[in-house]
Structure formats: structure tokens, C-alpha cells
């Protein structure tokens, strides 16, 4: 038993009603944060590629890759219906 280090107790004790209130608040925060930080797709993929093309800075191969990548992205698939 010599040389044993006692670990501090990391537990917190609180009334059940307080625990349930905190748990409900955490769930509400996660729900709100998930909706708040989702960014809707502002432009359709075609509009984005057209903007890049109009800049005259990018090769046609790059623009084709950009369009394919945007169309395949999970973000575009998830938010494509929210384009303005």
C-alpha cells in the first residue's frame, strides 16, 4: 500500500431536477447551434462556376473540376434545395 497515489474524485453531485434542467438546456443548445451554424448554399453551382469563369483567371480544366467537385460535395447535396 505504500507509494499509492489516491486519485481525486471527479464526480459532481447535484439534485436530479437540476441535472434534468441542465440536460434539457444542453440538448436545446445543441439543436440551436446545429441550425444556427448551418450555412445555406447562397448560389447554385452553375452560378459559382460562372463567376469563376468571368474572372478570366482559371483554366477550363480547373473550372470543370470545380463544377464536378461542387456537384459531388455533400454540402451541395444537402443544401441544394435552399439556393436563392
Protein backbone atom coordinates (compact mmCIF):
# COMPACT_ATOMS: atom_id res chain seq x y z
CA UNK A 1 0.00 0.00 0.00
CA UNK A 2 2.98 2.27 0.19
CA UNK A 3 3.55 4.59 -2.76
CA UNK A 4 -0.11 4.53 -3.83
CA UNK A 5 -1.45 7.84 -5.01
CA UNK A 6 -5.10 8.46 -4.31
CA UNK A 7 -6.92 9.81 -7.35
CA UNK A 8 -9.22 12.76 -6.66
CA UNK A 9 -12.92 12.13 -7.10
CA UNK A 10 -14.02 13.90 -10.30
CA UNK A 11 -17.72 13.31 -9.67
CA UNK A 12 -20.15 16.14 -9.08
CA UNK A 13 -23.33 15.56 -7.16
CA UNK A 14 -26.43 17.62 -7.82
CA UNK A 15 -30.15 17.19 -7.38
CA UNK A 16 -31.96 15.23 -10.07
CA UNK A 17 -34.15 18.19 -11.05
CA UNK A 18 -31.04 20.33 -11.61
CA UNK A 19 -29.45 17.54 -13.67
CA UNK A 20 -32.58 17.24 -15.84
CA UNK A 21 -32.73 21.01 -16.33
CA UNK A 22 -29.07 21.14 -17.37
CA UNK A 23 -29.53 18.16 -19.67
CA UNK A 24 -32.53 19.83 -21.34
CA UNK A 25 -30.57 23.07 -21.77
CA UNK A 26 -27.66 21.19 -23.34
CA UNK A 27 -29.99 19.46 -25.81
CA UNK A 28 -31.64 22.76 -26.70
CA UNK A 29 -28.23 24.38 -27.22
CA UNK A 30 -27.04 21.56 -29.48
CA UNK A 31 -30.26 21.80 -31.51
CA UNK A 32 -29.98 25.58 -31.84
CA UNK A 33 -26.26 25.56 -32.60
CA UNK A 34 -26.70 22.91 -35.29
CA UNK A 35 -29.32 25.06 -37.04
CA UNK A 36 -27.58 28.37 -36.45
CA UNK A 37 -24.21 27.35 -37.83
CA UNK A 38 -25.54 25.63 -40.93
CA UNK A 39 -24.78 27.89 -43.84
CA UNK A 40 -27.29 27.72 -46.64
CA UNK A 41 -25.85 27.48 -50.12
CA UNK A 42 -26.07 31.06 -51.37
CA UNK A 43 -25.51 30.39 -55.06
CA UNK A 44 -26.26 27.49 -57.31
CA UNK A 45 -23.23 25.54 -58.52
CA UNK A 46 -23.65 26.91 -62.04
CA UNK A 47 -23.60 30.49 -60.76
CA UNK A 48 -20.42 29.88 -58.77
CA UNK A 49 -18.65 28.38 -61.79
CA UNK A 50 -19.86 31.26 -63.99
CA UNK A 51 -18.42 33.76 -61.50
CA UNK A 52 -15.07 31.97 -61.60
CA UNK A 53 -15.19 31.79 -65.41
CA UNK A 54 -15.99 35.51 -65.68
CA UNK A 55 -12.87 36.34 -63.66
CA UNK A 56 -10.73 35.03 -66.57
CA UNK A 57 -8.16 33.70 -64.12
CA UNK A 58 -8.80 29.96 -64.31
CA UNK A 59 -8.30 27.28 -66.94
CA UNK A 60 -11.26 25.41 -68.38
CA UNK A 61 -9.92 22.19 -66.80
CA UNK A 62 -9.92 23.85 -63.38
CA UNK A 63 -13.45 25.16 -63.91
CA UNK A 64 -14.68 21.71 -64.94
CA UNK A 65 -13.04 20.15 -61.88
CA UNK A 66 -14.52 22.86 -59.68
CA UNK A 67 -18.02 22.24 -61.01
CA UNK A 68 -17.74 18.47 -60.64
CA UNK A 69 -16.40 18.82 -57.11
CA UNK A 70 -19.14 21.22 -56.08
CA UNK A 71 -21.85 18.99 -57.54
CA UNK A 72 -20.45 15.92 -55.76
CA UNK A 73 -19.94 17.65 -52.40
CA UNK A 74 -22.12 16.56 -49.52
CA UNK A 75 -22.69 20.22 -48.66
CA UNK A 76 -24.17 20.97 -52.08
CA UNK A 77 -26.32 17.84 -51.97
CA UNK A 78 -27.62 18.74 -48.54
CA UNK A 79 -28.35 22.39 -49.24
CA UNK A 80 -29.02 22.49 -52.98
CA UNK A 81 -32.75 22.89 -52.34
CA UNK A 82 -32.08 26.10 -50.38
CA UNK A 83 -30.44 28.08 -53.16
CA UNK A 84 -31.71 31.58 -53.60
